[in-house]
Amino acid sequence: MSGKQKIQQCISDCQQVINDLQSLADSTTETKLKSTLNESAHHLEMCVHECQFALKQTP
């Protein structure tokens, strides 16, 4: 698997985790837990954006 393919696979895996975190956040009524899950998803989204940038820079 090439470097580009590995980055793409990582992005896909992270997107799935983001979706899972958001789903968990949507399903809880605990305010603090909901906030923590949403914050975690947001941080992972920022990582995905950085990986997408790296992917664009990869020949």
PDB file of N, CA and C in Angstrom:
ATOM      1  N   MET A   1       0.848  -1.175   0.000  1.00  0.00           N
ATOM      2  CA  MET A   1       0.000   0.000   0.000  1.00  0.00           C
ATOM      3  C   MET A   1       0.898   1.245   0.000  1.00  0.00           C
ATOM      4  N   SER A   2       0.622   2.155  -0.893  1.00  0.00           N
ATOM      5  CA  SER A   2       1.432   3.369  -1.002  1.00  0.00           C
ATOM      6  C   SER A   2       1.132   4.325   0.163  1.00  0.00           C
ATOM      7  N   GLY A   3       2.001   5.316   0.298  1.00  0.00           N
ATOM      8  CA  GLY A   3       1.804   6.310   1.344  1.00  0.00           C
ATOM      9  C   GLY A   3       0.479   7.033   1.195  1.00  0.00           C
ATOM     10  N   LYS A   4       0.132   7.351  -0.061  1.00  0.00           N
ATOM     11  CA  LYS A   4      -1.123   8.042  -0.330  1.00  0.00           C
ATOM     12  C   LYS A   4      -2.319   7.176   0.063  1.00  0.00           C
ATOM     13  N   GLN A   5      -2.234   5.904  -0.244  1.00  0.00           N
ATOM     14  CA  GLN A   5      -3.320   4.977   0.098  1.00  0.00           C
ATOM     15  C   GLN A   5      -3.448   4.830   1.618  1.00  0.00           C
ATOM     16  N   LYS A   6      -2.314   4.811   2.311  1.00  0.00           N
ATOM     17  CA  LYS A   6      -2.345   4.700   3.771  1.00  0.00           C
ATOM     18  C   LYS A   6      -3.010   5.927   4.390  1.00  0.00           C
ATOM     19  N   ILE A   7      -2.690   7.109   3.857  1.00  0.00           N
ATOM     20  CA  ILE A   7      -3.309   8.344   4.360  1.00  0.00           C
ATOM     21  C   ILE A   7      -4.805   8.320   4.083  1.00  0.00           C
ATOM     22  N   GLN A   8      -5.197   7.896   2.888  1.00  0.00           N
ATOM     23  CA  GLN A   8      -6.613   7.824   2.543  1.00  0.00           C
ATOM     24  C   GLN A   8      -7.351   6.845   3.456  1.00  0.00           C
ATOM     25  N   GLN A   9      -6.728   5.707   3.747  1.00  0.00           N
ATOM     26  CA  GLN A   9      -7.342   4.720   4.630  1.00  0.00           C
ATOM     27  C   GLN A   9      -7.477   5.283   6.043  1.00  0.00           C
ATOM     28  N   CYS A  10      -6.467   5.991   6.494  1.00  0.00           N
ATOM     29  CA  CYS A  10      -6.511   6.608   7.821  1.00  0.00           C
ATOM     30  C   CYS A  10      -7.645   7.635   7.891  1.00  0.00           C
ATOM     31  N   ILE A  11      -7.791   8.437   6.849  1.00  0.00           N
ATOM     32  CA  ILE A  11      -8.867   9.428   6.792  1.00  0.00           C
ATOM     33  C   ILE A  11     -10.221   8.728   6.876  1.00  0.00           C
ATOM     34  N   SER A  12     -10.386   7.647   6.123  1.00  0.00           N
ATOM     35  CA  SER A  12     -11.650   6.893   6.152  1.00  0.00           C
ATOM     36  C   SER A  12     -11.926   6.329   7.542  1.00  0.00           C
ATOM     37  N   ASP A  13     -10.903   5.759   8.154  1.00  0.00           N
ATOM     38  CA  ASP A  13     -11.063   5.197   9.497  1.00  0.00           C
ATOM     39  C   ASP A  13     -11.445   6.292  10.495  1.00  0.00           C
ATOM     40  N   CYS A  14     -10.783   7.429  10.393  1.00  0.00           N
ATOM     41  CA  CYS A  14     -11.068   8.542  11.299  1.00  0.00           C
ATOM     42  C   CYS A  14     -12.484   9.078  11.082  1.00  0.00           C
ATOM     43  N   GLN A  15     -12.918   9.142   9.826  1.00  0.00           N
ATOM     44  CA  GLN A  15     -14.282   9.602   9.534  1.00  0.00           C
ATOM     45  C   GLN A  15     -15.308   8.696  10.208  1.00  0.00           C
ATOM     46  N   GLN A  16     -15.038   7.400  10.201  1.00  0.00           N
ATOM     47  CA  GLN A  16     -15.955   6.464  10.855  1.00  0.00           C
ATOM     48  C   GLN A  16     -15.985   6.696  12.360  1.00  0.00           C
ATOM     49  N   VAL A  17     -14.831   6.933  12.957  1.00  0.00           N
ATOM     50  CA  VAL A  17     -14.777   7.212  14.399  1.00  0.00           C
ATOM     51  C   VAL A  17     -15.504   8.520  14.711  1.00  0.00           C
ATOM     52  N   ILE A  18     -15.329   9.522  13.866  1.00  0.00           N
ATOM     53  CA  ILE A  18     -16.036  10.794  14.045  1.00  0.00           C
ATOM     54  C   ILE A  18     -17.540  10.556  14.035  1.00  0.00           C
ATOM     55  N   ASN A  19     -18.009   9.786  13.064  1.00  0.00           N
ATOM     56  CA  ASN A  19     -19.438   9.482  12.980  1.00  0.00           C
ATOM     57  C   ASN A  19     -19.919   8.757  14.227  1.00  0.00           C
ATOM     58  N   ASP A  20     -19.122   7.817  14.710  1.00  0.00           N
ATOM     59  CA  ASP A  20     -19.478   7.071  15.921  1.00  0.00           C
ATOM     60  C   ASP A  20     -19.552   8.000  17.140  1.00  0.00           C
ATOM     61  N   LEU A  21     -18.572   8.886  17.271  1.00  0.00           N
ATOM     62  CA  LEU A  21     -18.567   9.829  18.390  1.00  0.00           C
ATOM     63  C   LEU A  21     -19.781  10.758  18.339  1.00  0.00           C
ATOM     64  N   GLN A  22     -20.103  11.241  17.148  1.00  0.00           N
ATOM     65  CA  GLN A  22     -21.252  12.126  17.003  1.00  0.00           C
ATOM     66  C   GLN A  22     -22.559  11.393  17.290  1.00  0.00           C
ATOM     67  N   SER A  23     -22.624  10.149  16.876  1.00  0.00           N
ATOM     68  CA  SER A  23     -23.809   9.339  17.152  1.00  0.00           C
ATOM     69  C   SER A  23     -23.979   9.119  18.650  1.00  0.00           C
ATOM     70  N   LEU A  24     -22.876   8.807  19.316  1.00  0.00           N
ATOM     71  CA  LEU A  24     -22.924   8.641  20.772  1.00  0.00           C
ATOM     72  C   LEU A  24     -23.336   9.943  21.455  1.00  0.00           C
ATOM     73  N   ALA A  25     -22.797  11.056  20.988  1.00  0.00           N
ATOM     74  CA  ALA A  25     -23.139  12.355  21.566  1.00  0.00           C
ATOM     75  C   ALA A  25     -24.631  12.651  21.381  1.00  0.00           C
ATOM     76  N   ASP A  26     -25.148  12.309  20.225  1.00  0.00           N
ATOM     77  CA  ASP A  26     -26.567  12.549  19.948  1.00  0.00           C
ATOM     78  C   ASP A  26     -27.481  11.669  20.802  1.00  0.00           C
ATOM     79  N   SER A  27     -26.968  10.524  21.224  1.00  0.00           N
ATOM     80  CA  SER A  27     -27.814   9.573  21.952  1.00  0.00           C
ATOM     81  C   SER A  27     -27.790   9.747  23.467  1.00  0.00           C
ATOM     82  N   THR A  28     -26.936  10.629  23.975  1.00  0.00           N
ATOM     83  CA  THR A  28     -26.860  10.802  25.431  1.00  0.00           C
ATOM     84  C   THR A  28     -27.587  12.068  25.866  1.00  0.00           C
ATOM     85  N   THR A  29     -28.081  12.018  27.079  1.00  0.00           N
ATOM     86  CA  THR A  29     -28.723  13.200  27.649  1.00  0.00           C
ATOM     87  C   THR A  29     -27.825  13.878  28.689  1.00  0.00           C
ATOM     88  N   GLU A  30     -26.697  13.234  29.006  1.00  0.00           N
ATOM     89  CA  GLU A  30     -25.750  13.820  29.950  1.00  0.00           C
ATOM     90  C   GLU A  30     -24.990  14.962  29.281  1.00  0.00           C
ATOM     91  N   THR A  31     -25.164  16.139  29.790  1.00  0.00           N
ATOM     92  CA  THR A  31     -24.585  17.336  29.178  1.00  0.00           C
ATOM     93  C   THR A  31     -23.065  17.271  29.085  1.00  0.00           C
ATOM     94  N   LYS A  32     -22.410  16.899  30.169  1.00  0.00           N
ATOM     95  CA  LYS A  32     -20.942  16.866  30.173  1.00  0.00           C
ATOM     96  C   LYS A  32     -20.418  15.808  29.206  1.00  0.00           C
ATOM     97  N   LEU A  33     -21.044  14.644  29.193  1.00  0.00           N
ATOM     98  CA  LEU A  33     -20.637  13.576  28.285  1.00  0.00           C
ATOM     99  C   LEU A  33     -20.842  13.983  26.840  1.00  0.00           C
ATOM    100  N   LYS A  34     -21.997  14.598  26.545  1.00  0.00           N
ATOM    101  CA  LYS A  34     -22.284  15.064  25.187  1.00  0.00           C
ATOM    102  C   LYS A  34     -21.224  16.062  24.720  1.00  0.00           C
ATOM    103  N   SER A  35     -20.872  16.973  25.611  1.00  0.00           N
ATOM    104  CA  SER A  35     -19.867  17.982  25.289  1.00  0.00           C
ATOM    105  C   SER A  35     -18.502  17.344  25.026  1.00  0.00           C
ATOM    106  N   THR A  36     -18.123  16.406  25.861  1.00  0.00           N
ATOM    107  CA  THR A  36     -16.832  15.731  25.713  1.00  0.00           C
ATOM    108  C   THR A  36     -16.777  14.938  24.406  1.00  0.00           C
ATOM    109  N   LEU A  37     -17.846  14.233  24.076  1.00  0.00           N
ATOM    110  CA  LEU A  37     -17.888  13.456  22.831  1.00  0.00           C
ATOM    111  C   LEU A  37     -17.820  14.382  21.618  1.00  0.00           C
ATOM    112  N   ASN A  38     -18.566  15.480  21.667  1.00  0.00           N
ATOM    113  CA  ASN A  38     -18.531  16.439  20.551  1.00  0.00           C
ATOM    114  C   ASN A  38     -17.157  17.079  20.407  1.00  0.00           C
ATOM    115  N   GLU A  39     -16.523  17.387  21.522  1.00  0.00           N
ATOM    116  CA  GLU A  39     -15.176  17.967  21.482  1.00  0.00           C
ATOM    117  C   GLU A  39     -14.179  16.963  20.899  1.00  0.00           C
ATOM    118  N   SER A  40     -14.316  15.711  21.278  1.00  0.00           N
ATOM    119  CA  SER A  40     -13.441  14.665  20.742  1.00  0.00           C
ATOM    120  C   SER A  40     -13.610  14.540  19.229  1.00  0.00           C
ATOM    121  N   ALA A  41     -14.849  14.557  18.773  1.00  0.00           N
ATOM    122  CA  ALA A  41     -15.118  14.476  17.336  1.00  0.00           C
ATOM    123  C   ALA A  41     -14.509  15.680  16.617  1.00  0.00           C
ATOM    124  N   HIS A  42     -14.626  16.842  17.225  1.00  0.00           N
ATOM    125  CA  HIS A  42     -14.066  18.057  16.621  1.00  0.00           C
ATOM    126  C   HIS A  42     -12.539  17.971  16.487  1.00  0.00           C
ATOM    127  N   HIS A  43     -11.881  17.494  17.524  1.00  0.00           N
ATOM    128  CA  HIS A  43     -10.420  17.367  17.479  1.00  0.00           C
ATOM    129  C   HIS A  43     -10.010  16.377  16.382  1.00  0.00           C
ATOM    130  N   LEU A  44     -10.743  15.301  16.264  1.00  0.00           N
ATOM    131  CA  LEU A  44     -10.422  14.325  15.225  1.00  0.00           C
ATOM    132  C   LEU A  44     -10.693  14.901  13.834  1.00  0.00           C
ATOM    133  N   GLU A  45     -11.728  15.728  13.706  1.00  0.00           N
ATOM    134  CA  GLU A  45     -11.991  16.398  12.427  1.00  0.00           C
ATOM    135  C   GLU A  45     -10.817  17.287  12.034  1.00  0.00           C
ATOM    136  N   MET A  46     -10.224  17.969  13.007  1.00  0.00           N
ATOM    137  CA  MET A  46      -9.056  18.820  12.719  1.00  0.00           C
ATOM    138  C   MET A  46      -7.890  17.956  12.232  1.00  0.00           C
ATOM    139  N   CYS A  47      -7.720  16.793  12.823  1.00  0.00           N
ATOM    140  CA  CYS A  47      -6.668  15.867  12.378  1.00  0.00           C
ATOM    141  C   CYS A  47      -6.924  15.419  10.943  1.00  0.00           C
ATOM    142  N   VAL A  48      -8.174  15.142  10.621  1.00  0.00           N
ATOM    143  CA  VAL A  48      -8.532  14.724   9.261  1.00  0.00           C
ATOM    144  C   VAL A  48      -8.196  15.832   8.271  1.00  0.00           C
ATOM    145  N   HIS A  49      -8.489  17.070   8.637  1.00  0.00           N
ATOM    146  CA  HIS A  49      -8.158  18.193   7.747  1.00  0.00           C
ATOM    147  C   HIS A  49      -6.655  18.264   7.489  1.00  0.00           C
ATOM    148  N   GLU A  50      -5.862  18.040   8.519  1.00  0.00           N
ATOM    149  CA  GLU A  50      -4.404  18.047   8.356  1.00  0.00           C
ATOM    150  C   GLU A  50      -3.956  16.886   7.460  1.00  0.00           C
ATOM    151  N   CYS A  51      -4.580  15.743   7.622  1.00  0.00           N
ATOM    152  CA  CYS A  51      -4.236  14.594   6.776  1.00  0.00           C
ATOM    153  C   CYS A  51      -4.635  14.839   5.320  1.00  0.00           C
ATOM    154  N   GLN A  52      -5.771  15.491   5.120  1.00  0.00           N
ATOM    155  CA  GLN A  52      -6.186  15.842   3.755  1.00  0.00           C
ATOM    156  C   GLN A  52      -5.185  16.805   3.122  1.00  0.00           C
ATOM    157  N   PHE A  53      -4.675  17.739   3.916  1.00  0.00           N
ATOM    158  CA  PHE A  53      -3.644  18.646   3.419  1.00  0.00           C
ATOM    159  C   PHE A  53      -2.393  17.863   3.050  1.00  0.00           C
ATOM    160  N   ALA A  54      -1.973  16.945   3.917  1.00  0.00           N
ATOM    161  CA  ALA A  54      -0.784  16.127   3.636  1.00  0.00           C
ATOM    162  C   ALA A  54      -0.989  15.303   2.371  1.00  0.00           C
ATOM    163  N   LEU A  55      -2.197  14.812   2.189  1.00  0.00           N
ATOM    164  CA  LEU A  55      -2.500  14.021   1.001  1.00  0.00           C
ATOM    165  C   LEU A  55      -2.338  14.850  -0.279  1.00  0.00           C
ATOM    166  N   LYS A  56      -2.765  16.093  -0.215  1.00  0.00           N
ATOM    167  CA  LYS A  56      -2.627  16.987  -1.373  1.00  0.00           C
ATOM    168  C   LYS A  56      -1.163  17.278  -1.684  1.00  0.00           C
ATOM    169  N   GLN A  57      -0.319  17.261  -0.647  1.00  0.00           N
ATOM    170  CA  GLN A  57       1.098  17.551  -0.828  1.00  0.00           C
ATOM    171  C   GLN A  57       1.915  16.336  -1.257  1.00  0.00           C
ATOM    172  N   THR A  58       1.310  15.146  -1.148  1.00  0.00           N
ATOM    173  CA  THR A  58       2.017  13.904  -1.467  1.00  0.00           C
ATOM    174  C   THR A  58       2.014  13.670  -2.960  1.00  0.00           C
ATOM    175  N   PRO A  59       3.193  13.454  -3.552  1.00  0.00           N
ATOM    176  CA  PRO A  59       3.248  13.242  -5.016  1.00  0.00           C
ATOM    177  C   PRO A  59       2.630  11.913  -5.421  1.00  0.00           C
TER     178      PRO A  59
END
